[in-house]
Protein backbone atom coordinates (compact mmCIF):
# COMPACT_ATOMS: atom_id res chain seq x y z
CA MET A 1 0.00 0.00 0.00
CA ASN A 2 1.26 3.49 -0.89
CA PHE A 3 0.83 5.56 2.28
CA SER A 4 2.22 8.75 0.77
CA ASP A 5 -1.05 9.30 -1.11
CA LEU A 6 -3.28 8.97 1.97
CA HIS A 7 -4.98 11.98 3.50
CA GLU A 8 -3.45 12.72 6.90
CA ASN A 9 -6.49 11.59 8.94
CA ASN A 10 -6.60 8.26 7.09
CA LEU A 11 -2.86 7.89 7.49
CA ILE A 12 -3.12 8.46 11.24
CA GLU A 13 -5.82 5.83 11.58
CA GLU A 14 -3.70 3.40 9.55
CA ALA A 15 -0.60 4.27 11.63
CA LYS A 16 -2.41 3.11 14.76
CA VAL A 17 -2.13 -0.47 13.47
CA ASN A 18 0.55 -0.40 10.77
CA ALA A 19 4.20 0.54 11.36
CA ASN A 20 4.71 1.35 7.66
CA ALA A 21 2.00 4.00 7.86
CA PHE A 22 3.69 5.44 10.95
CA SER A 23 6.94 5.74 8.99
CA GLU A 24 5.08 7.93 6.47
CA LEU A 25 3.89 10.18 9.32
CA TYR A 26 7.48 10.33 10.52
CA ARG A 27 8.66 11.31 7.04
CA ARG A 28 6.08 14.11 6.85
CA TYR A 29 6.90 15.62 10.25
CA VAL A 30 10.52 14.85 11.12
CA LYS A 31 12.01 17.91 9.42
CA LYS A 32 9.51 20.30 11.05
CA ILE A 33 10.12 18.86 14.50
CA TYR A 34 13.89 18.76 14.03
CA ASN A 35 13.95 22.41 12.86
CA TYR A 36 11.83 23.41 15.86
CA PHE A 37 14.36 21.84 18.22
CA CYS A 38 17.38 23.19 16.30
CA TYR A 39 16.05 26.69 16.66
CA ARG A 40 15.15 26.31 20.31
CA THR A 41 18.33 24.51 21.44
CA SER A 42 20.92 25.73 18.91
CA ASP A 43 22.55 22.31 19.16
CA ILE A 44 22.33 19.58 16.52
CA ALA A 45 22.85 16.67 18.93
CA ASP A 46 20.17 17.95 21.34
CA ALA A 47 17.80 18.58 18.43
CA GLU A 48 18.34 15.03 17.17
CA ASP A 49 17.78 13.55 20.64
CA LEU A 50 14.63 15.58 21.25
CA THR A 51 13.28 14.74 17.78
CA SER A 52 13.84 11.07 18.47
CA GLN A 53 12.13 11.33 21.86
CA THR A 54 9.19 13.12 20.24
CA PHE A 55 8.59 10.31 17.77
CA GLU A 56 9.01 7.68 20.47
CA ARG A 57 6.21 9.40 22.42
CA VAL A 58 4.08 9.80 19.31
CA LEU A 59 4.44 6.09 18.52
CA LYS A 60 3.66 5.16 22.12
CA ASN A 61 0.56 7.38 22.24
CA ILE A 62 -0.76 7.34 18.67
CA LYS A 63 -3.58 4.97 19.57
CA SER A 64 -5.00 7.58 21.93
CA PHE A 65 -4.89 10.35 19.30
CA GLU A 66 -8.33 11.61 18.26
CA VAL A 67 -8.73 13.08 14.79
CA LYS A 68 -10.86 15.97 16.12
CA VAL A 69 -7.56 17.59 17.21
CA SER A 70 -4.98 18.78 14.67
CA PHE A 71 -2.17 16.21 14.43
CA ASN A 72 0.25 19.08 13.77
CA ALA A 73 -0.75 20.73 17.05
CA TRP A 74 -0.68 17.40 18.91
CA ILE A 75 2.85 16.50 17.82
CA PHE A 76 4.13 20.01 18.56
CA LYS A 77 2.55 19.87 22.01
CA ILE A 78 4.52 16.69 22.65
CA SER A 79 7.64 18.45 21.34
CA ARG A 80 7.02 21.51 23.48
CA ASN A 81 6.59 19.39 26.62
CA LEU A 82 9.88 17.62 25.91
CA LEU A 83 11.57 20.97 25.37
CA ILE A 84 10.25 22.28 28.69
CA ASP A 85 11.66 19.19 30.43
CA PHE A 86 14.95 19.68 28.57
CA TYR A 87 15.25 23.28 29.77
CA ARG A 88 14.38 22.33 33.33
CA LYS A 89 17.12 19.73 33.37
CA ARG A 90 19.78 21.83 31.72
CA LYS A 91 18.83 25.45 32.47
CA ILE A 92 19.87 26.49 28.96
CA GLU A 93 19.29 29.85 27.31
CA ILE A 94 19.55 30.35 23.57
CA GLU A 95 22.57 32.43 22.68
CA ILE A 96 22.17 34.54 19.55
CA GLU A 97 25.72 33.68 18.45
CA ASN A 98 24.62 30.06 18.03
CA VAL A 99 21.77 30.91 15.67
CA GLN A 100 22.81 30.47 12.07
CA LEU A 101 21.94 33.37 9.81
CA SER A 102 22.09 32.85 6.07
CA PHE A 103 21.68 35.83 3.81
CA ASN A 104 22.84 35.95 0.22
CA LYS A 105 23.14 39.77 0.05
CA ASP A 106 26.21 41.94 0.19
CA TYR A 107 28.23 42.00 3.41
CA LEU A 108 27.01 45.37 4.78
CA LYS A 109 23.37 44.49 4.25
CA GLU A 110 24.01 41.10 5.88
CA LEU A 111 25.65 42.79 8.86
CA ASP A 112 22.72 45.19 9.25
CA GLN A 113 20.22 42.33 9.04
CA LYS A 114 22.22 40.31 11.55
CA GLU A 115 22.22 43.22 14.01
CA THR A 116 18.47 43.68 13.54
CA LEU A 117 17.84 39.96 14.05
CA GLU A 118 20.08 39.92 17.12
CA ARG A 119 18.03 42.74 18.67
CA LEU A 120 14.83 40.92 17.77
CA PHE A 121 16.05 37.57 19.16
CA ARG A 122 17.22 39.26 22.36
CA GLN A 123 13.78 40.75 22.84
CA VAL A 124 11.93 37.53 21.91
CA ASN A 125 14.05 35.61 24.42
CA LYS A 126 13.06 38.12 27.13
CA LEU A 127 9.34 37.52 26.60
CA PRO A 128 7.46 35.39 29.14
CA ASP A 129 7.46 31.70 28.15
CA GLU A 130 3.93 31.53 26.73
CA GLN A 131 4.30 34.76 24.76
CA ARG A 132 7.65 33.61 23.35
CA GLU A 133 6.21 30.22 22.41
CA THR A 134 3.18 31.87 20.78
CA ILE A 135 5.38 34.16 18.66
CA LEU A 136 7.66 31.31 17.58
CA LEU A 137 4.80 28.97 16.67
CA LYS A 138 2.88 31.72 14.86
CA TYR A 139 5.67 33.38 12.91
CA LYS A 140 8.41 30.77 12.64
CA HIS A 141 6.24 27.67 12.19
CA SER A 142 3.13 29.31 10.65
CA PHE A 143 0.68 27.78 13.13
CA SER A 144 -2.90 29.03 13.18
CA ASN A 145 -4.25 30.49 16.42
CA GLN A 146 -6.36 27.34 16.81
CA GLU A 147 -3.30 25.09 16.55
CA ILE A 148 -1.34 27.25 18.99
CA ALA A 149 -4.28 27.06 21.39
CA GLN A 150 -4.15 23.26 21.21
CA VAL A 151 -0.39 23.20 21.80
CA LEU A 152 -0.57 25.58 24.77
CA GLY A 153 -3.83 24.22 26.18
CA LYS A 154 -5.47 27.65 25.94
CA SER A 155 -8.47 29.15 24.18
CA GLU A 156 -8.08 30.78 20.79
CA GLY A 157 -8.94 34.13 22.35
CA ALA A 158 -6.17 33.70 24.92
CA VAL A 159 -3.70 32.96 22.11
CA LYS A 160 -4.75 36.11 20.23
CA GLN A 161 -4.25 38.09 23.42
CA LEU A 162 -0.84 36.49 24.06
CA ALA A 163 0.28 37.30 20.51
CA HIS A 164 -1.04 40.86 20.70
CA ARG A 165 0.68 41.54 24.02
CA ALA A 166 3.92 39.93 22.85
CA LEU A 167 4.02 41.98 19.64
CA LYS A 168 3.20 45.17 21.52
CA LYS A 169 5.97 44.45 24.02
CA LEU A 170 8.44 43.57 21.24
CA LYS A 171 7.73 46.83 19.39
CA ARG A 172 8.17 48.83 22.58
CA GLU A 173 11.40 47.08 23.58
CA ILE A 174 12.94 47.20 20.10
CA LYS A 175 12.31 50.96 19.94
CA ARG A 176 13.93 51.29 23.37
CA ASP A 177 16.85 49.05 22.37
């Protein structure tokens, strides 16, 4: 059976009983999850470990997944919980120097963009946890407010408010910086 052609909900149902279908889910999501961890940890080995742990948990709990929830939000919630545990254990902060920036413009423009991004990252890292997570999921991973609400266990209205407050605070702090 060719699982790559299956609609995601059908694939999830098939993955509950068929390991080959689960491998297709893995293929569809591994890069997103890995990139999420790379950005949040700035370390390839940690990102690989956390990605692996995420899929172990997904495999262990896939039978309890209900299609009424977005699979994307569900898997990122698992990832986020692992990341929270990771930070608790290691007390790590993201250093801007470890974030790779790749611009194909001339050097001066690249330098200006790097400085702007450094200011932005500094301010994003200062946001309260839920505001920071909301901004990253919304603007880095293109999550809808509904998906963010599922990941954070909040209402959609609360997510809109978190995003609004975070953006307002970022604008204020960047002007001050």
